[in-house]
C-alpha atoms as a PDB file:
ATOM      1  CA  UNK A   1       0.853  -3.724  14.612  1.00  0.00           C
ATOM      2  CA  UNK A   2       0.664  -3.566  10.808  1.00  0.00           C
ATOM      3  CA  UNK A   3       3.296  -1.351   9.208  1.00  0.00           C
ATOM      4  CA  UNK A   4       2.794   0.301   5.816  1.00  0.00           C
ATOM      5  CA  UNK A   5       5.978   1.622   4.212  1.00  0.00           C
ATOM      6  CA  UNK A   6       5.984   4.193   1.406  1.00  0.00           C
ATOM      7  CA  UNK A   7       8.743   4.221  -1.219  1.00  0.00           C
ATOM      8  CA  UNK A   8      10.031   6.416  -4.039  1.00  0.00           C
ATOM      9  CA  UNK A   9       7.692   9.209  -5.166  1.00  0.00           C
ATOM     10  CA  UNK A  10       5.029   8.245  -2.605  1.00  0.00           C
ATOM     11  CA  UNK A  11       7.439   9.005   0.215  1.00  0.00           C
ATOM     12  CA  UNK A  12       8.217  12.382  -1.349  1.00  0.00           C
ATOM     13  CA  UNK A  13       4.550  13.213  -1.976  1.00  0.00           C
ATOM     14  CA  UNK A  14       3.361  12.205   1.491  1.00  0.00           C
ATOM     15  CA  UNK A  15       6.448  13.322   3.409  1.00  0.00           C
ATOM     16  CA  UNK A  16       6.069  10.063   5.342  1.00  0.00           C
ATOM     17  CA  UNK A  17       8.170   6.919   5.436  1.00  0.00           C
ATOM     18  CA  UNK A  18       5.550   4.726   7.101  1.00  0.00           C
ATOM     19  CA  UNK A  19       2.283   4.430   8.992  1.00  0.00           C
ATOM     20  CA  UNK A  20       1.312   1.880  11.617  1.00  0.00           C
ATOM     21  CA  UNK A  21      -2.071   0.413  12.439  1.00  0.00           C
ATOM     22  CA  UNK A  22      -3.118  -1.615  15.438  1.00  0.00           C
ATOM     23  CA  UNK A  23      -5.388  -3.959  13.478  1.00  0.00           C
ATOM     24  CA  UNK A  24      -5.689  -7.579  12.550  1.00  0.00           C
ATOM     25  CA  UNK A  25      -7.577  -9.585   9.970  1.00  0.00           C
ATOM     26  CA  UNK A  26      -7.926  -6.717   7.492  1.00  0.00           C
ATOM     27  CA  UNK A  27      -7.451  -6.662   3.730  1.00  0.00           C
ATOM     28  CA  UNK A  28      -4.911  -4.671   1.752  1.00  0.00           C
ATOM     29  CA  UNK A  29      -7.767  -2.632   0.285  1.00  0.00           C
ATOM     30  CA  UNK A  30      -9.040  -1.725   3.759  1.00  0.00           C
ATOM     31  CA  UNK A  31      -5.569  -0.786   4.979  1.00  0.00           C
ATOM     32  CA  UNK A  32      -4.939   1.395   1.919  1.00  0.00           C
ATOM     33  CA  UNK A  33      -8.198   3.263   2.524  1.00  0.00           C
ATOM     34  CA  UNK A  34      -7.176   3.855   6.138  1.00  0.00           C
ATOM     35  CA  UNK A  35      -3.759   5.068   4.974  1.00  0.00           C
ATOM     36  CA  UNK A  36      -5.286   7.658   2.683  1.00  0.00           C
ATOM     37  CA  UNK A  37      -7.403   8.992   5.562  1.00  0.00           C
ATOM     38  CA  UNK A  38      -4.240   9.495   7.648  1.00  0.00           C
ATOM     39  CA  UNK A  39      -2.040  11.093   5.004  1.00  0.00           C
ATOM     40  CA  UNK A  40      -1.818  14.810   4.186  1.00  0.00           C
ATOM     41  CA  UNK A  41      -2.724  14.334   0.503  1.00  0.00           C
ATOM     42  CA  UNK A  42      -4.667  11.720  -1.505  1.00  0.00           C
ATOM     43  CA  UNK A  43      -2.444   9.088  -3.101  1.00  0.00           C
ATOM     44  CA  UNK A  44      -4.504   5.993  -3.916  1.00  0.00           C
ATOM     45  CA  UNK A  45      -5.243   7.264  -7.434  1.00  0.00           C
ATOM     46  CA  UNK A  46      -1.537   6.671  -8.140  1.00  0.00           C
ATOM     47  CA  UNK A  47      -1.841   2.977  -7.221  1.00  0.00           C
ATOM     48  CA  UNK A  48      -5.426   1.910  -7.919  1.00  0.00           C
ATOM     49  CA  UNK A  49      -7.893   2.744 -10.673  1.00  0.00           C
ATOM     50  CA  UNK A  50     -11.422   1.310 -10.961  1.00  0.00           C
ATOM     51  CA  UNK A  51     -10.695  -1.126  -8.097  1.00  0.00           C
ATOM     52  CA  UNK A  52      -7.683  -2.535  -9.995  1.00  0.00           C
ATOM     53  CA  UNK A  53      -3.992  -2.154  -9.323  1.00  0.00           C
ATOM     54  CA  UNK A  54      -2.415   0.161 -11.901  1.00  0.00           C
ATOM     55  CA  UNK A  55       0.180  -1.700 -14.014  1.00  0.00           C
ATOM     56  CA  UNK A  56       3.670  -1.112 -12.656  1.00  0.00           C
ATOM     57  CA  UNK A  57       2.459  -0.670  -9.070  1.00  0.00           C
ATOM     58  CA  UNK A  58       4.084  -3.034  -6.604  1.00  0.00           C
ATOM     59  CA  UNK A  59       2.391  -3.824  -3.309  1.00  0.00           C
ATOM     60  CA  UNK A  60       4.191  -6.324  -1.115  1.00  0.00           C
ATOM     61  CA  UNK A  61       3.042  -8.078   2.045  1.00  0.00           C
ATOM     62  CA  UNK A  62       6.019  -9.476   3.934  1.00  0.00           C
ATOM     63  CA  UNK A  63       7.961  -9.411   0.663  1.00  0.00           C
ATOM     64  CA  UNK A  64       5.283 -11.171  -1.419  1.00  0.00           C
ATOM     65  CA  UNK A  65       3.621  -9.360  -4.315  1.00  0.00           C
ATOM     66  CA  UNK A  66      -0.144  -9.238  -3.760  1.00  0.00           C
ATOM     67  CA  UNK A  67      -0.653  -9.905  -7.476  1.00  0.00           C
ATOM     68  CA  UNK A  68       0.460 -13.477  -6.682  1.00  0.00           C
ATOM     69  CA  UNK A  69      -1.802 -13.658  -3.631  1.00  0.00           C
ATOM     70  CA  UNK A  70      -5.397 -12.377  -3.565  1.00  0.00           C
ATOM     71  CA  UNK A  71      -4.787  -8.854  -4.833  1.00  0.00           C
ATOM     72  CA  UNK A  72      -6.506  -6.122  -2.828  1.00  0.00           C
ATOM     73  CA  UNK A  73      -8.409  -8.831  -0.927  1.00  0.00           C
ATOM     74  CA  UNK A  74      -5.151 -10.232   0.508  1.00  0.00           C
ATOM     75  CA  UNK A  75      -5.512 -10.556   4.293  1.00  0.00           C
ATOM     76  CA  UNK A  76      -3.011  -8.898   6.596  1.00  0.00           C
ATOM     77  CA  UNK A  77      -2.543  -9.503  10.301  1.00  0.00           C
ATOM     78  CA  UNK A  78      -0.679  -8.195  13.296  1.00  0.00           C
ATOM     79  CA  UNK A  79       3.055  -8.076  12.607  1.00  0.00           C
ATOM     80  CA  UNK A  80       2.733  -7.866   8.812  1.00  0.00           C
ATOM     81  CA  UNK A  81       4.625  -5.291   6.766  1.00  0.00           C
ATOM     82  CA  UNK A  82       3.201  -3.749   3.609  1.00  0.00           C
ATOM     83  CA  UNK A  83       5.448  -1.980   1.105  1.00  0.00           C
ATOM     84  CA  UNK A  84       3.994   0.396  -1.505  1.00  0.00           C
ATOM     85  CA  UNK A  85       5.872   1.225  -4.716  1.00  0.00           C
ATOM     86  CA  UNK A  86       4.048   3.385  -7.259  1.00  0.00           C
ATOM     87  CA  UNK A  87       4.590   2.796 -10.991  1.00  0.00           C
ATOM     88  CA  UNK A  88       7.980   4.158 -11.981  1.00  0.00           C
ATOM     89  CA  UNK A  89       9.049   6.075 -15.007  1.00  0.00           C
ATOM     90  CA  UNK A  90      12.228   5.517 -16.846  1.00  0.00           C
ATOM     91  CA  UNK A  91      13.797   5.240 -20.164  1.00  0.00           C
END
C-alpha cells in the first residue's frame, strides 16, 4: 500500500488527510495523477506547472525530497509514504 499524505492548505482544500493506493513500481507523477482523480477538487495546479514542480513545493518519499532523487520520475513501491506540502506564504 502506498500512502499519500496531504498537509497544510492541501488538507483544507481537499478535506482529506491521506489517500492509499494498492500499487507498486509507479512514479510520483503517476501517483499524483491518480490522487487528483480521487479527490473532490483539482489540486495539481498548486504543485506542478508545465511538468515542473512549482518552487516552494515539497514532495517527500519516505522523508526524502524528490528534488534530490529523480523528481516526478521517482519510483515508489509498496509500503512507501508520500507527503505533499504546497508552496507556503509568509512574511
